[in-house]
Amino acid sequence: MSSHSEGLVGVVKFPGSNCDLDSVNALKSLGLGAELVWHTDFPKRIGDFTAIYIPGGFSYGDHLRAGVIAAFSPSLKAIRDFAKKGGRVLGVCNGFQILVESGLLPGALARNDTNTFICKWVGLELMENVSFLSPSTLPVTRNPKLISLPIANGEGKYMADEKTLERLKENKQIVFTYSSNPNGSALSIAGICNEAGNVVGMMPHPERAITPELGGTDGKEILLRAFKL
């Protein structure tokens, strides 16, 4: 097991992942332990990690559809077992797509209504209901519910049937909503969690928003909420 006082986050890299090093560097810059691990090596390394981060990118070139091939990697069985035991899992952008394709989160992510790749900063509301996004670890002096993060995706439109959407609302599984819906997502959803609250998927990129020079620091808040023990 890790000797890091704050634990060790395993950042799982698939062929085509391109936000993996950014994610590791972002976590380390916040004083969190983080290590990049190749997806085929992950099952035998799972005991080394206290949390899992599935980064953005274009796993397997988004062939067939975003995230679907990665969802069949043996690493997903290990991640599924990890989550069943209460382990924290965060999937960002392509990571979110992988989580829904693997069944760890409900619904689907489809082509944006604009039929274009959208790359811009968006306003979000963070719902205070997710166990591992607890506000208790976050020393902020302003209202933490309203945040701004960048998105960069072509298939970011969250979709689900009416029964699933009602269940997400009833169970308070909607974690992030867009202030101004950029892609046609149902209920303006930008991120959700599982019923237990330990698996979160989000389309916005917190690792791209940790210094003022990058445009904002709200991503720092999200990563600290997720992974600071």
Protein backbone atom coordinates (compact mmCIF):
# COMPACT_ATOMS: atom_id res chain seq x y z
CA MET A 1 0.00 0.00 0.00
CA SER A 2 0.99 3.59 -0.46
CA SER A 3 3.02 5.44 2.16
CA HIS A 4 1.56 8.82 1.12
CA SER A 5 -0.14 10.49 4.08
CA GLU A 6 -2.92 11.62 1.73
CA GLY A 7 -3.10 8.28 -0.05
CA LEU A 8 -2.17 7.55 -3.65
CA VAL A 9 -4.42 8.26 -6.63
CA GLY A 10 -4.02 5.87 -9.55
CA VAL A 11 -4.41 7.73 -12.86
CA VAL A 12 -5.33 5.04 -15.40
CA LYS A 13 -3.96 5.55 -18.92
CA PHE A 14 -5.53 3.94 -21.99
CA PRO A 15 -4.28 4.10 -25.58
CA GLY A 16 -5.34 7.58 -26.69
CA SER A 17 -5.58 9.16 -23.24
CA ASN A 18 -4.11 12.65 -23.48
CA CYS A 19 -4.96 14.31 -20.16
CA ASP A 20 -3.16 11.75 -18.03
CA LEU A 21 0.05 13.69 -17.34
CA ASP A 22 -1.88 16.92 -16.82
CA SER A 23 -3.99 15.10 -14.24
CA VAL A 24 -1.00 13.61 -12.41
CA ASN A 25 0.78 16.97 -12.36
CA ALA A 26 -2.36 18.75 -11.15
CA LEU A 27 -2.82 16.31 -8.29
CA LYS A 28 0.83 16.50 -7.28
CA SER A 29 0.77 20.31 -7.39
CA LEU A 30 -1.94 20.15 -4.73
CA GLY A 31 0.18 17.96 -2.49
CA LEU A 32 -1.69 14.77 -3.36
CA GLY A 33 0.00 11.48 -4.15
CA ALA A 34 -0.59 10.44 -7.76
CA GLU A 35 0.88 7.86 -10.10
CA LEU A 36 0.27 7.10 -13.76
CA VAL A 37 -0.50 3.44 -14.45
CA TRP A 38 -1.04 1.71 -17.80
CA HIS A 39 -4.49 0.12 -17.99
CA THR A 40 -3.23 -3.45 -18.46
CA ASP A 41 -0.98 -3.09 -15.40
CA PHE A 42 -3.73 -1.64 -13.24
CA PRO A 43 -5.46 -4.85 -12.05
CA LYS A 44 -2.32 -6.11 -10.34
CA ARG A 45 -1.55 -2.65 -8.92
CA ILE A 46 -4.99 -1.85 -7.57
CA GLY A 47 -3.96 -2.52 -3.98
CA ASP A 48 -1.47 0.35 -4.19
CA PHE A 49 -4.14 3.00 -4.63
CA THR A 50 -6.63 4.71 -2.34
CA ALA A 51 -8.56 6.34 -5.20
CA ILE A 52 -8.82 6.11 -8.99
CA TYR A 53 -8.83 8.85 -11.63
CA ILE A 54 -9.78 8.06 -15.24
CA PRO A 55 -8.57 11.04 -17.31
CA GLY A 56 -9.79 12.62 -20.52
CA GLY A 57 -8.63 12.02 -24.06
CA PHE A 58 -9.69 9.81 -26.93
CA SER A 59 -9.24 6.24 -25.70
CA TYR A 60 -8.79 3.91 -28.67
CA GLY A 61 -9.39 6.90 -30.95
CA ASP A 62 -13.08 7.05 -29.93
CA HIS A 63 -13.67 4.28 -32.47
CA LEU A 64 -17.25 2.94 -32.49
CA ARG A 65 -18.11 5.60 -29.90
CA ALA A 66 -16.32 7.40 -27.10
CA GLY A 67 -15.25 5.12 -24.25
CA VAL A 68 -16.85 1.91 -25.46
CA ILE A 69 -13.65 -0.04 -26.27
CA ALA A 70 -11.89 1.01 -23.07
CA ALA A 71 -14.94 -0.22 -21.15
CA PHE A 72 -13.94 -3.78 -22.10
CA SER A 73 -10.42 -3.45 -20.68
CA PRO A 74 -9.64 -5.86 -17.79
CA SER A 75 -8.89 -2.76 -15.75
CA LEU A 76 -12.60 -1.95 -15.66
CA LYS A 77 -13.38 -5.16 -13.79
CA ALA A 78 -10.76 -4.18 -11.22
CA ILE A 79 -12.19 -0.66 -11.04
CA ARG A 80 -15.70 -2.07 -10.66
CA ASP A 81 -14.57 -4.29 -7.76
CA PHE A 82 -12.74 -1.32 -6.22
CA ALA A 83 -15.90 0.79 -6.40
CA LYS A 84 -18.10 -1.94 -4.93
CA LYS A 85 -15.87 -1.86 -1.85
CA GLY A 86 -16.44 1.88 -1.49
CA GLY A 87 -13.30 3.09 -3.27
CA ARG A 88 -13.46 6.57 -4.79
CA VAL A 89 -13.46 6.80 -8.58
CA LEU A 90 -13.46 10.01 -10.62
CA GLY A 91 -13.85 9.93 -14.40
CA VAL A 92 -13.28 13.16 -16.34
CA CYS A 93 -14.52 13.71 -19.92
CA ASN A 94 -13.47 10.49 -21.69
CA GLY A 95 -13.24 9.01 -18.20
CA PHE A 96 -16.92 9.82 -17.70
CA GLN A 97 -17.70 8.23 -21.06
CA ILE A 98 -15.83 5.09 -20.00
CA LEU A 99 -17.75 4.94 -16.71
CA VAL A 100 -21.14 5.04 -18.44
CA GLU A 101 -20.09 2.57 -21.15
CA SER A 102 -18.89 0.15 -18.47
CA GLY A 103 -22.12 0.43 -16.49
CA LEU A 104 -20.51 2.02 -13.46
CA LEU A 105 -22.74 5.05 -14.05
CA PRO A 106 -26.17 5.16 -15.70
CA GLY A 107 -27.11 6.84 -18.95
CA ALA A 108 -25.08 7.63 -22.06
CA LEU A 109 -23.05 10.43 -23.61
CA ALA A 110 -23.96 11.37 -27.17
CA ARG A 111 -22.89 13.79 -29.87
CA ASN A 112 -23.35 17.43 -28.91
CA ASP A 113 -26.48 19.07 -30.32
CA THR A 114 -24.20 21.49 -32.17
CA ASN A 115 -22.58 18.50 -33.92
CA THR A 116 -19.24 20.17 -33.19
CA PHE A 117 -16.35 19.84 -30.78
CA ILE A 118 -16.95 22.37 -27.97
CA CYS A 119 -13.91 23.82 -26.22
CA LYS A 120 -14.63 26.65 -23.80
CA TRP A 121 -15.10 27.60 -20.15
CA VAL A 122 -18.58 27.01 -18.74
CA GLY A 123 -20.42 27.98 -15.59
CA LEU A 124 -21.47 25.12 -13.33
CA GLU A 125 -23.41 24.54 -10.16
CA LEU A 126 -21.88 22.00 -7.79
CA MET A 127 -24.53 20.17 -5.81
CA GLU A 128 -23.56 19.52 -2.18
CA ASN A 129 -24.60 15.88 -2.01
CA VAL A 130 -21.66 13.66 -2.92
CA SER A 131 -19.76 11.90 -0.15
CA PHE A 132 -16.27 12.16 -1.61
CA LEU A 133 -16.81 15.72 -2.82
CA SER A 134 -17.33 16.81 0.77
CA PRO A 135 -17.05 20.58 1.36
CA SER A 136 -15.54 19.97 4.80
CA THR A 137 -12.02 19.63 3.36
CA LEU A 138 -12.27 22.80 1.31
CA PRO A 139 -11.03 26.10 2.81
CA VAL A 140 -12.88 28.61 0.63
CA THR A 141 -14.24 32.04 1.51
CA ARG A 142 -16.91 32.28 -1.18
CA ASN A 143 -19.97 30.27 -2.10
CA PRO A 144 -18.46 27.01 -3.46
CA LYS A 145 -21.61 25.99 -5.33
CA LEU A 146 -21.03 28.26 -8.34
CA ILE A 147 -17.88 27.36 -10.26
CA SER A 148 -16.29 27.67 -13.71
CA LEU A 149 -14.39 24.91 -15.53
CA PRO A 150 -13.36 24.23 -19.15
CA ILE A 151 -14.99 21.61 -21.34
CA ALA A 152 -13.48 20.02 -24.46
CA ASN A 153 -15.59 17.35 -26.12
CA GLY A 154 -17.60 16.33 -29.13
CA GLU A 155 -19.72 13.73 -27.32
CA GLY A 156 -20.67 15.44 -24.08
CA LYS A 157 -24.46 15.41 -24.27
CA TYR A 158 -25.75 13.41 -21.30
CA MET A 159 -28.80 11.28 -22.09
CA ALA A 160 -30.97 8.86 -20.13
CA ASP A 161 -34.54 7.64 -20.18
CA GLU A 162 -37.16 9.40 -18.05
CA LYS A 163 -37.11 6.73 -15.35
CA THR A 164 -33.33 7.05 -14.95
CA LEU A 165 -33.49 10.85 -14.88
CA GLU A 166 -36.17 10.75 -12.17
CA ARG A 167 -34.06 8.32 -10.16
CA LEU A 168 -31.01 10.59 -10.49
CA LYS A 169 -33.05 13.50 -9.14
CA GLU A 170 -34.65 11.52 -6.33
CA ASN A 171 -31.35 10.01 -5.18
CA LYS A 172 -29.50 13.33 -5.53
CA GLN A 173 -27.05 11.79 -8.00
CA ILE A 174 -26.75 14.91 -10.15
CA VAL A 175 -23.41 16.40 -9.12
CA PHE A 176 -22.86 19.20 -11.66
CA THR A 177 -25.28 21.13 -13.87
CA TYR A 178 -24.48 23.68 -16.57
CA SER A 179 -25.53 27.27 -15.94
CA SER A 180 -26.07 27.56 -19.71
CA ASN A 181 -26.43 24.18 -21.37
CA PRO A 182 -23.79 24.02 -24.17
CA ASN A 183 -24.60 20.64 -25.67
CA GLY A 184 -28.23 19.68 -25.08
CA SER A 185 -27.64 17.49 -22.02
CA ALA A 186 -30.79 16.27 -20.29
CA LEU A 187 -31.52 18.40 -17.21
CA SER A 188 -28.36 20.38 -18.11
CA ILE A 189 -26.34 17.57 -16.51
CA ALA A 190 -22.55 17.99 -16.55
CA GLY A 191 -21.74 15.26 -14.03
CA ILE A 192 -23.37 12.51 -11.98
CA CYS A 193 -22.52 9.95 -9.31
CA ASN A 194 -23.60 6.42 -8.50
CA GLU A 195 -26.14 5.76 -5.75
CA ALA A 196 -23.40 5.24 -3.16
CA GLY A 197 -21.78 8.57 -4.05
CA ASN A 198 -18.26 7.15 -4.42
CA VAL A 199 -18.13 7.07 -8.26
CA VAL A 200 -18.36 10.42 -10.05
CA GLY A 201 -18.24 11.21 -13.76
CA MET A 202 -17.99 14.74 -15.13
CA MET A 203 -17.43 16.27 -18.57
CA PRO A 204 -15.62 19.47 -17.42
CA HIS A 205 -11.85 19.27 -16.79
CA PRO A 206 -10.82 20.20 -13.22
CA GLU A 207 -7.14 19.49 -13.96
CA ARG A 208 -7.14 22.37 -16.47
CA ALA A 209 -8.27 24.90 -13.88
CA ILE A 210 -5.83 24.91 -11.00
CA THR A 211 -3.87 28.15 -11.48
CA PRO A 212 -4.97 31.71 -12.32
CA GLU A 213 -2.68 31.61 -15.38
CA LEU A 214 -4.86 28.87 -16.86
CA GLY A 215 -8.00 30.94 -16.38
CA GLY A 216 -9.24 29.92 -12.95
CA THR A 217 -8.71 27.75 -9.89
CA ASP A 218 -12.06 26.05 -9.36
CA GLY A 219 -10.60 22.76 -10.55
CA LYS A 220 -8.30 22.84 -7.55
CA GLU A 221 -11.35 22.85 -5.31
CA ILE A 222 -12.86 19.84 -7.05
CA LEU A 223 -9.68 17.76 -6.91
CA LEU A 224 -9.13 18.55 -3.25
CA ARG A 225 -12.72 17.66 -2.47
CA ALA A 226 -12.35 14.38 -4.33
CA PHE A 227 -9.00 13.13 -3.11
CA LYS A 228 -7.87 14.88 0.07
CA LEU A 229 -8.43 12.41 2.91
